[in-house]
Protein backbone atom coordinates (compact mmCIF):
# COMPACT_ATOMS: atom_id res chain seq x y z
CA UNK A 1 16.88 -5.80 -3.57
CA UNK A 2 15.83 -5.14 -0.01
CA UNK A 3 12.25 -5.78 0.99
CA UNK A 4 10.11 -2.97 2.30
CA UNK A 5 7.75 -3.80 5.17
CA UNK A 6 4.96 -1.29 5.45
CA UNK A 7 2.78 -1.60 8.56
CA UNK A 8 -0.87 -0.90 7.77
CA UNK A 9 -1.59 2.50 9.16
CA UNK A 10 -2.57 5.80 7.62
CA UNK A 11 0.25 7.13 5.44
CA UNK A 12 1.24 10.82 5.78
CA UNK A 13 3.37 12.67 3.27
CA UNK A 14 6.21 14.18 5.28
CA UNK A 15 7.99 17.31 4.17
CA UNK A 16 11.46 18.34 5.27
CA UNK A 17 12.42 21.75 6.57
CA UNK A 18 13.23 24.12 3.72
CA UNK A 19 14.49 27.66 3.43
CA UNK A 20 12.19 30.22 1.85
CA UNK A 21 12.45 33.98 1.70
CA UNK A 22 10.75 35.92 4.48
CA UNK A 23 7.55 37.74 3.71
CA UNK A 24 7.22 41.45 4.42
CA UNK A 25 5.55 42.57 7.64
CA UNK A 26 2.47 43.83 5.85
CA UNK A 27 -0.30 43.09 8.33
CA UNK A 28 -2.01 40.61 6.00
CA UNK A 29 -3.39 37.53 7.76
CA UNK A 30 -3.87 34.23 5.89
CA UNK A 31 -6.28 31.36 6.47
CA UNK A 32 -6.47 28.28 4.26
CA UNK A 33 -8.97 25.51 3.56
CA UNK A 34 -8.18 21.92 4.58
CA UNK A 35 -7.68 19.47 1.70
CA UNK A 36 -6.40 16.08 2.87
CA UNK A 37 -4.15 14.71 5.60
CA UNK A 38 -1.33 14.79 3.05
CA UNK A 39 -1.77 18.54 2.58
CA UNK A 40 -1.47 19.92 6.09
CA UNK A 41 0.45 23.21 6.35
CA UNK A 42 3.65 22.85 8.38
CA UNK A 43 6.03 25.16 10.19
CA UNK A 44 9.50 25.91 8.88
CA UNK A 45 12.06 28.71 9.11
CA UNK A 46 13.41 31.10 6.49
CA UNK A 47 17.05 31.93 5.86
CA UNK A 48 16.92 34.57 8.60
CA UNK A 49 15.65 32.10 11.17
CA UNK A 50 12.10 33.46 11.22
CA UNK A 51 9.27 30.98 11.71
CA UNK A 52 7.02 30.64 8.67
CA UNK A 53 4.00 28.56 7.65
CA UNK A 54 4.48 26.50 4.48
CA UNK A 55 1.29 25.49 2.68
CA UNK A 56 1.16 22.29 0.66
CA UNK A 57 -0.61 20.95 -2.41
CA UNK A 58 -0.43 17.30 -3.51
CA UNK A 59 -1.96 15.54 -6.49
CA UNK A 60 -4.21 12.70 -5.40
CA UNK A 61 -2.89 10.17 -7.94
CA UNK A 62 -1.18 9.76 -11.29
CA UNK A 63 -2.71 7.60 -13.99
CA UNK A 64 -0.80 5.33 -16.34
CA UNK A 65 -1.04 7.88 -19.17
CA UNK A 66 0.92 10.18 -16.80
CA UNK A 67 -2.04 12.52 -16.19
CA UNK A 68 -2.90 13.64 -12.66
CA UNK A 69 -5.98 13.13 -10.55
CA UNK A 70 -6.21 16.72 -9.36
CA UNK A 71 -7.12 17.75 -5.81
CA UNK A 72 -9.60 20.48 -4.99
CA UNK A 73 -8.12 23.97 -5.23
CA UNK A 74 -6.27 25.28 -2.22
CA UNK A 75 -8.06 28.48 -1.21
CA UNK A 76 -6.18 31.27 0.60
CA UNK A 77 -8.23 33.93 2.35
CA UNK A 78 -6.31 37.18 2.94
CA UNK A 79 -7.52 39.78 5.43
CA UNK A 80 -6.02 43.11 6.54
CA UNK A 81 -7.04 46.14 8.56
CA UNK A 82 -4.43 48.52 7.14
CA UNK A 83 -3.92 47.67 3.46
CA UNK A 84 -6.06 47.68 0.33
CA UNK A 85 -6.63 44.31 -1.36
CA UNK A 86 -9.09 45.49 -4.00
CA UNK A 87 -6.45 45.69 -6.77
CA UNK A 88 -4.04 42.88 -5.85
CA UNK A 89 -2.58 40.40 -8.29
CA UNK A 90 -1.03 36.97 -7.58
CA UNK A 91 1.73 35.12 -9.38
CA UNK A 92 4.24 32.33 -8.76
CA UNK A 93 7.76 33.45 -7.91
CA UNK A 94 10.37 32.50 -10.52
CA UNK A 95 13.55 33.30 -8.58
CA UNK A 96 13.73 30.39 -6.15
CA UNK A 97 12.73 27.40 -8.31
CA UNK A 98 13.75 28.36 -11.86
CA UNK A 99 10.18 29.13 -12.83
CA UNK A 100 8.80 25.64 -12.14
CA UNK A 101 6.09 26.97 -9.85
CA UNK A 102 4.90 29.42 -12.48
CA UNK A 103 4.66 26.55 -14.95
CA UNK A 104 3.05 24.02 -12.62
CA UNK A 105 0.66 26.05 -10.49
CA UNK A 106 -2.30 28.13 -11.66
CA UNK A 107 -3.49 30.98 -9.44
CA UNK A 108 -6.99 32.41 -9.65
CA UNK A 109 -8.24 35.46 -7.71
CA UNK A 110 -11.80 34.60 -6.74
CA UNK A 111 -12.70 37.86 -5.02
CA UNK A 112 -11.16 41.22 -4.09
CA UNK A 113 -12.26 43.86 -1.61
CA UNK A 114 -10.52 46.53 0.45
CA UNK A 115 -9.97 44.34 3.49
CA UNK A 116 -10.44 40.78 2.15
CA UNK A 117 -9.42 38.73 -0.89
CA UNK A 118 -9.45 35.07 -1.92
CA UNK A 119 -6.84 33.31 -4.08
CA UNK A 120 -7.12 29.73 -5.36
CA UNK A 121 -4.07 27.59 -6.16
CA UNK A 122 -4.13 24.34 -8.12
CA UNK A 123 -2.07 22.50 -10.69
CA UNK A 124 -2.12 24.22 -14.05
CA UNK A 125 -3.20 21.06 -15.89
CA UNK A 126 -3.43 17.29 -15.60
CA UNK A 127 -0.06 16.82 -17.29
CA UNK A 128 2.31 18.39 -14.76
CA UNK A 129 5.59 16.47 -14.68
CA UNK A 130 6.54 14.24 -11.78
CA UNK A 131 8.33 16.22 -9.13
CA UNK A 132 8.39 17.69 -5.66
CA UNK A 133 9.00 21.39 -5.18
CA UNK A 134 9.76 22.72 -1.70
CA UNK A 135 10.83 26.20 -2.83
CA UNK A 136 7.79 27.65 -4.58
CA UNK A 137 6.25 30.92 -3.39
CA UNK A 138 3.09 32.83 -4.21
CA UNK A 139 3.72 36.56 -4.62
CA UNK A 140 0.80 38.83 -3.77
CA UNK A 141 1.34 42.27 -5.33
CA UNK A 142 -0.42 45.59 -4.85
CA UNK A 143 -1.71 47.97 -7.51
CA UNK A 144 1.73 49.54 -7.94
CA UNK A 145 3.48 46.17 -8.30
CA UNK A 146 5.05 46.08 -4.85
CA UNK A 147 5.06 42.73 -3.07
CA UNK A 148 2.55 42.74 -0.23
CA UNK A 149 2.88 39.08 0.80
CA UNK A 150 4.97 36.02 0.01
CA UNK A 151 3.18 32.72 0.65
CA UNK A 152 5.55 29.67 0.86
CA UNK A 153 4.12 26.67 -1.01
CA UNK A 154 5.37 23.06 -1.25
CA UNK A 155 3.73 20.88 -3.87
CA UNK A 156 4.14 17.31 -5.07
CA UNK A 157 2.91 14.94 -7.77
CA UNK A 158 3.12 11.12 -7.60
CA UNK A 159 5.77 9.46 -9.72
CA UNK A 160 4.77 7.00 -12.42
CA UNK A 161 7.54 7.12 -14.98
CA UNK A 162 8.30 3.90 -16.80
CA UNK A 163 9.84 3.85 -20.24
CA UNK A 164 8.24 0.45 -20.89
CA UNK A 165 4.72 1.48 -19.90
CA UNK A 166 3.17 1.71 -23.41
CA UNK A 167 2.84 1.34 -26.25
CA UNK A 168 5.10 -1.71 -26.76
CA UNK A 169 5.52 -2.77 -23.13
CA UNK A 170 3.63 -2.62 -19.86
CA UNK A 171 4.82 -3.31 -16.34
CA UNK A 172 2.55 -2.60 -13.39
CA UNK A 173 -0.79 -1.85 -15.03
CA UNK A 174 -1.62 -5.37 -16.29
CA UNK A 175 -0.65 -7.15 -13.03
CA UNK A 176 -3.52 -8.63 -11.05
CA UNK A 177 -4.25 -7.44 -7.54
CA UNK A 178 -5.39 -4.28 -5.81
CA UNK A 179 -3.59 -1.13 -6.94
CA UNK A 180 -2.24 1.03 -4.11
CA UNK A 181 0.02 4.08 -3.91
CA UNK A 182 3.02 4.34 -1.59
CA UNK A 183 4.37 7.81 -0.85
CA UNK A 184 7.81 6.51 0.20
CA UNK A 185 8.25 4.78 -3.16
CA UNK A 186 6.43 7.55 -5.00
CA UNK A 187 4.86 4.84 -7.12
CA UNK A 188 1.98 2.41 -7.38
CA UNK A 189 2.14 -1.28 -6.53
CA UNK A 190 -0.22 -4.25 -6.76
CA UNK A 191 -1.21 -6.34 -3.73
CA UNK A 192 -2.23 -9.96 -4.32
CA UNK A 193 -3.08 -12.47 -1.60
CA UNK A 194 -2.32 -12.97 2.09
CA UNK A 195 0.58 -14.95 3.53
CA UNK A 196 0.35 -16.66 6.92
CA UNK A 197 3.89 -16.16 8.29
CA UNK A 198 3.54 -19.31 10.45
CA UNK A 199 2.84 -21.52 7.43
CA UNK A 200 5.51 -23.59 5.70
CA UNK A 201 6.70 -22.06 2.41
CA UNK A 202 3.45 -20.23 1.62
CA UNK A 203 2.74 -19.04 -1.92
CA UNK A 204 1.45 -15.90 -3.54
CA UNK A 205 0.26 -15.71 -7.15
CA UNK A 206 0.07 -12.93 -9.72
CA UNK A 207 -1.47 -12.85 -13.17
CA UNK A 208 0.19 -10.77 -15.88
CA UNK A 209 -1.22 -9.75 -19.25
CA UNK A 210 1.15 -8.86 -22.10
CA UNK A 211 -0.05 -5.61 -23.59
CA UNK A 212 1.35 -3.78 -26.56
CA UNK A 213 3.01 -5.57 -29.48
CA UNK A 214 5.48 -7.81 -27.61
CA UNK A 215 4.70 -11.25 -26.22
CA UNK A 216 6.24 -12.82 -23.11
CA UNK A 217 9.32 -14.99 -22.95
CA UNK A 218 10.25 -15.48 -19.26
CA UNK A 219 9.63 -14.33 -15.73
CA UNK A 220 12.77 -13.76 -13.70
CA UNK A 221 13.66 -13.14 -10.06
CA UNK A 222 16.59 -10.83 -9.42
CA UNK A 223 19.72 -12.55 -8.17
CA UNK A 224 20.83 -11.55 -4.68
CA UNK A 225 23.87 -13.80 -5.02
CA UNK A 226 25.70 -13.75 -8.35
CA UNK A 227 27.76 -16.87 -7.55
CA UNK A 228 24.92 -19.18 -6.57
CA UNK A 229 22.36 -17.38 -8.78
CA UNK A 230 19.76 -17.39 -6.05
CA UNK A 231 17.17 -15.02 -4.66
CA UNK A 232 17.07 -14.61 -0.87
CA UNK A 233 13.32 -14.33 -0.63
CA UNK A 234 11.49 -16.32 -3.31
CA UNK A 235 11.61 -19.05 -5.89
CA UNK A 236 9.08 -19.96 -8.53
CA UNK A 237 7.17 -23.23 -8.13
CA UNK A 238 9.89 -24.99 -10.16
CA UNK A 239 12.38 -24.12 -7.41
CA UNK A 240 14.34 -21.79 -9.70
CA UNK A 241 14.56 -18.04 -10.28
CA UNK A 242 13.50 -18.27 -13.93
CA UNK A 243 10.30 -19.72 -15.33
CA UNK A 244 9.06 -19.65 -18.92
CA UNK A 245 5.84 -18.02 -20.01
CA UNK A 246 3.28 -20.63 -21.05
CA UNK A 247 1.32 -18.13 -23.10
CA UNK A 248 3.81 -16.16 -25.16
CA UNK A 249 1.71 -14.11 -27.54
CA UNK A 250 0.72 -10.45 -27.09
CA UNK A 251 -2.54 -10.00 -25.22
CA UNK A 252 -2.32 -13.34 -23.39
CA UNK A 253 -2.25 -13.88 -19.65
CA UNK A 254 0.25 -15.81 -17.54
CA UNK A 255 -0.03 -16.67 -13.85
CA UNK A 256 3.19 -16.94 -11.87
CA UNK A 257 3.42 -18.23 -8.31
CA UNK A 258 6.16 -17.19 -5.92
CA UNK A 259 7.13 -19.44 -3.02
CA UNK A 260 8.36 -17.70 0.14
CA UNK A 261 11.65 -19.13 1.33
CA UNK A 262 11.83 -20.30 4.96
CA UNK A 263 14.61 -17.85 5.85
CA UNK A 264 12.66 -14.92 4.40
CA UNK A 265 9.51 -16.11 6.14
CA UNK A 266 11.37 -16.31 9.46
CA UNK A 267 12.38 -12.67 9.13
CA UNK A 268 8.81 -11.60 8.31
CA UNK A 269 7.50 -13.65 11.23
CA UNK A 270 9.89 -12.00 13.69
CA UNK A 271 9.03 -8.48 12.52
CA UNK A 272 5.30 -9.07 12.56
CA UNK A 273 5.30 -10.94 15.89
CA UNK A 274 7.08 -7.95 17.43
CA UNK A 275 4.55 -5.53 15.93
CA UNK A 276 1.64 -7.69 17.08
CA UNK A 277 2.83 -8.17 20.66
CA UNK A 278 3.95 -4.56 21.15
CA UNK A 279 1.48 -2.56 19.06
CA UNK A 280 -1.35 -5.03 18.29
CA UNK A 281 -0.64 -4.82 14.54
CA UNK A 282 -1.56 -8.23 13.14
CA UNK A 283 -1.24 -7.57 9.39
CA UNK A 284 1.40 -5.77 7.35
CA UNK A 285 1.81 -4.87 3.68
CA UNK A 286 5.02 -6.25 2.16
CA UNK A 287 6.30 -4.56 -0.99
CA UNK A 288 9.07 -6.03 -3.15
CA UNK A 289 10.67 -5.40 -6.53
CA UNK A 290 12.42 -8.70 -7.21
CA UNK A 291 10.30 -9.77 -10.17
CA UNK A 292 11.20 -8.98 -13.78
CA UNK A 293 9.55 -9.74 -17.10
CA UNK A 294 11.36 -10.69 -20.30
CA UNK A 295 9.54 -9.95 -23.54
CA UNK A 296 10.26 -11.79 -26.74
CA UNK A 297 10.52 -10.20 -30.17
CA UNK A 298 7.96 -10.70 -32.89
CA UNK A 299 9.23 -12.57 -35.95
CA UNK A 300 10.26 -10.47 -38.91
CA UNK A 301 9.67 -7.12 -37.30
CA UNK A 302 12.05 -4.35 -36.25
CA UNK A 303 10.91 -1.75 -33.76
CA UNK A 304 11.74 1.92 -33.39
CA UNK A 305 14.33 1.17 -30.70
CA UNK A 306 16.31 -0.89 -33.23
CA UNK A 307 15.58 -4.28 -31.67
CA UNK A 308 14.62 -6.85 -34.24
CA UNK A 309 14.08 -10.58 -34.28
CA UNK A 310 17.47 -11.37 -32.75
CA UNK A 311 16.29 -13.63 -29.94
CA UNK A 312 17.65 -11.37 -27.22
CA UNK A 313 14.33 -10.27 -25.85
CA UNK A 314 13.94 -7.29 -23.55
CA UNK A 315 14.00 -7.52 -19.76
CA UNK A 316 11.98 -5.05 -17.74
CA UNK A 317 11.98 -4.78 -13.98
CA UNK A 318 14.85 -4.92 -11.54
CA UNK A 319 16.98 -2.12 -10.20
CA UNK A 320 16.71 0.26 -13.16
CA UNK A 321 13.02 -0.26 -13.81
CA UNK A 322 11.37 -1.75 -10.70
CA UNK A 323 8.07 -3.59 -10.73
CA UNK A 324 6.54 -3.12 -7.29
CA UNK A 325 4.32 -5.97 -6.18
CA UNK A 326 3.14 -6.88 -2.73
CA UNK A 327 1.12 -9.11 -0.45
CA UNK A 328 -0.35 -9.00 3.02
CA UNK A 329 1.62 -10.83 5.72
CA UNK A 330 -0.33 -11.82 8.82
CA UNK A 331 0.05 -13.69 12.12
CA UNK A 332 -3.62 -14.66 12.05
CA UNK A 333 -4.32 -18.33 11.24
CA UNK A 334 -5.34 -18.64 7.60
CA UNK A 335 -8.28 -20.71 6.38
CA UNK A 336 -11.71 -21.61 7.72
CA UNK A 337 -12.48 -24.66 9.83
CA UNK A 338 -15.12 -26.96 8.34
CA UNK A 339 -17.21 -29.32 10.46
CA UNK A 340 -16.98 -32.53 8.44
CA UNK A 341 -19.36 -34.81 10.37
CA UNK A 342 -21.42 -35.14 13.53
CA UNK A 343 -23.30 -37.63 15.68
CA UNK A 344 -26.37 -36.71 17.68
CA UNK A 345 -28.59 -38.14 20.38
CA UNK A 346 -31.48 -36.63 22.29
CA UNK A 347 -29.15 -34.68 24.58
CA UNK A 348 -25.75 -34.58 22.88
CA UNK A 349 -24.08 -33.55 19.63
CA UNK A 350 -20.56 -34.72 18.77
CA UNK A 351 -18.74 -32.56 16.23
CA UNK A 352 -15.79 -33.53 14.07
CA UNK A 353 -13.78 -31.10 11.96
CA UNK A 354 -10.78 -31.02 9.67
CA UNK A 355 -7.75 -29.45 11.30
CA UNK A 356 -6.05 -26.59 9.46
CA UNK A 357 -2.77 -27.28 7.71
CA UNK A 358 -1.23 -24.11 9.14
CA UNK A 359 0.09 -24.25 12.73
CA UNK A 360 -2.46 -23.13 15.34
CA UNK A 361 -2.58 -23.19 19.13
CA UNK A 362 -6.17 -24.36 19.37
CA UNK A 363 -9.79 -24.09 18.32
CA UNK A 364 -12.70 -22.22 19.90
CA UNK A 365 -16.18 -23.68 19.46
CA UNK A 366 -19.20 -21.39 19.26
CA UNK A 367 -22.91 -22.23 19.47
CA UNK A 368 -26.17 -20.39 18.88
CA UNK A 369 -29.85 -21.15 18.42
CA UNK A 370 -29.95 -18.64 15.52
CA UNK A 371 -27.96 -18.87 12.31
CA UNK A 372 -26.80 -15.28 12.01
CA UNK A 373 -26.43 -14.05 15.61
CA UNK A 374 -26.25 -14.95 19.28
CA UNK A 375 -23.12 -17.13 19.16
CA UNK A 376 -21.32 -17.82 22.43
CA UNK A 377 -18.06 -19.65 23.00
CA UNK A 378 -18.75 -22.98 24.70
CA UNK A 379 -15.34 -24.64 24.59
CA UNK A 380 -11.66 -24.11 23.73
CA UNK A 381 -9.63 -27.18 22.71
CA UNK A 382 -5.99 -27.74 21.77
CA UNK A 383 -4.63 -27.95 18.23
CA UNK A 384 -4.31 -31.74 18.60
CA UNK A 385 -8.06 -32.11 19.01
CA UNK A 386 -10.47 -32.48 16.10
CA UNK A 387 -13.71 -33.42 17.88
CA UNK A 388 -15.94 -32.19 20.69
CA UNK A 389 -19.11 -33.52 22.35
CA UNK A 390 -21.66 -30.93 23.42
CA UNK A 391 -23.79 -32.33 26.27
CA UNK A 392 -26.94 -31.38 28.20
CA UNK A 393 -28.83 -30.14 25.17
CA UNK A 394 -32.59 -29.93 24.70
CA UNK A 395 -34.48 -32.60 22.82
CA UNK A 396 -35.62 -31.80 19.30
CA UNK A 397 -33.94 -28.39 19.29
CA UNK A 398 -31.90 -26.89 16.45
CA UNK A 399 -28.39 -25.63 17.17
CA UNK A 400 -25.86 -23.83 15.01
CA UNK A 401 -22.10 -24.35 15.43
CA UNK A 402 -18.96 -22.73 14.06
CA UNK A 403 -15.30 -23.04 14.97
CA UNK A 404 -12.60 -20.39 15.11
CA UNK A 405 -8.85 -21.12 15.18
CA UNK A 406 -6.43 -19.10 17.28
CA UNK A 407 -2.69 -18.85 17.63
CA UNK A 408 -0.56 -17.71 20.55
CA UNK A 409 2.00 -15.28 19.13
CA UNK A 410 5.21 -14.83 21.12
CA UNK A 411 8.03 -12.33 20.81
CA UNK A 412 11.23 -12.63 22.87
CA UNK A 413 13.88 -9.95 23.33
CA UNK A 414 16.78 -9.00 25.59
CA UNK A 415 16.27 -6.34 28.24
CA UNK A 416 18.86 -3.72 29.19
CA UNK A 417 19.95 -6.11 31.93
CA UNK A 418 20.49 -8.83 29.32
CA UNK A 419 17.57 -10.88 30.55
CA UNK A 420 15.18 -12.53 28.11
CA UNK A 421 11.63 -11.22 28.20
CA UNK A 422 8.80 -12.81 26.24
CA UNK A 423 5.60 -11.08 25.19
CA UNK A 424 2.54 -13.15 24.27
CA UNK A 425 -0.83 -12.40 22.63
CA UNK A 426 -3.54 -14.46 20.98
CA UNK A 427 -4.23 -13.93 17.26
CA UNK A 428 -7.67 -15.06 16.10
CA UNK A 429 -8.51 -16.46 12.68
CA UNK A 430 -11.78 -16.25 10.79
CA UNK A 431 -14.94 -17.98 11.97
CA UNK A 432 -15.53 -21.29 10.21
CA UNK A 433 -18.49 -22.52 8.21
CA UNK A 434 -21.80 -22.73 10.09
CA UNK A 435 -23.25 -26.20 10.73
CA UNK A 436 -26.95 -26.67 11.51
CA UNK A 437 -27.80 -29.70 13.70
CA UNK A 438 -31.04 -30.72 15.40
CA UNK A 439 -31.07 -33.12 18.37
CA UNK A 440 -33.25 -36.21 18.36
CA UNK A 441 -36.65 -36.28 19.99
């Protein structure tokens, strides 16, 4: 499966241009409340080429029991100088979307007057099916049933449909990590850990709890190459694409660790170095669906799907039933520098620290006379250096030190004239542990 690299920026739900029927020229003006950035009205054209405004309504999330986290109602305010809105009704059109809008969307008239009316639109319940409807319309009718206004409406609900997600199996919900929603995938995924793309074969770990009535048998990585039975991106810590579950009973937890292959890491490094040097984006969210889970059967029991204790197990994940997991990839040096020892005199302090295992370009040394503020950089040293002597200090005075690693990130590319151009920027790691030292009197 291909990896999906998602740069960390605000996600916007994009809607494509759609044809909807033109509304009558009835003199009714519409204004609408703002919900979220995902629910901005957009401009489209109808089948006659007329410009129209399409209003949107998106569920905020979908829970694992398939119910929706509903947004606030979308409120339409209708005003007119020529018509009478005191007896209007509102309903979803059934001709353009086979009645789905009428089933999914509930309309409520909040107020009616001669020249002004308010209509609220929201999902009819928390159990609307997964889907995206670009062809819905709200029909505003007068007292005699004639259509006064057609309001185009596009609405969406997040997808979370997994045949294994309860009661016998579970996929995403019991994975460790932070749960996030991706609108491109239309699904949730779990993020666990941060990978330094300059490190050698870094690792990322996930903990999985077997829910339901099945225990675990194996964890598997999808094969990108059927002949060599390998995965292009990861292995488990045993160097293979299959690893057995240590805790096999229902309700138990297993932790699996994936090792990033050097070739995969090289690709991530190139993409992120480009983003960092060109757009100052130092961290990205990597989503993948290579990991599958194989459940084992329970002795002496046959389930409603006909599977009994036949030793075959049941594999979930992969192309037909993806498990989306992820991690943060970064060009920033990982880890904190610790000052391991020091020597002091009346006027000098010599610091020694443990160099980071990940490649860095150098270390910046900061000093302050207060523990929590006032730090200033006093020296920058190369990555080969692990000590520094601070001179010309005051006798009997307390100083605080901390060290910050940095890395020079480079990205090279060919210009239109086939010349190589290299961009370069410094990426800074976290500040290290503070060390308090007082000079001798």
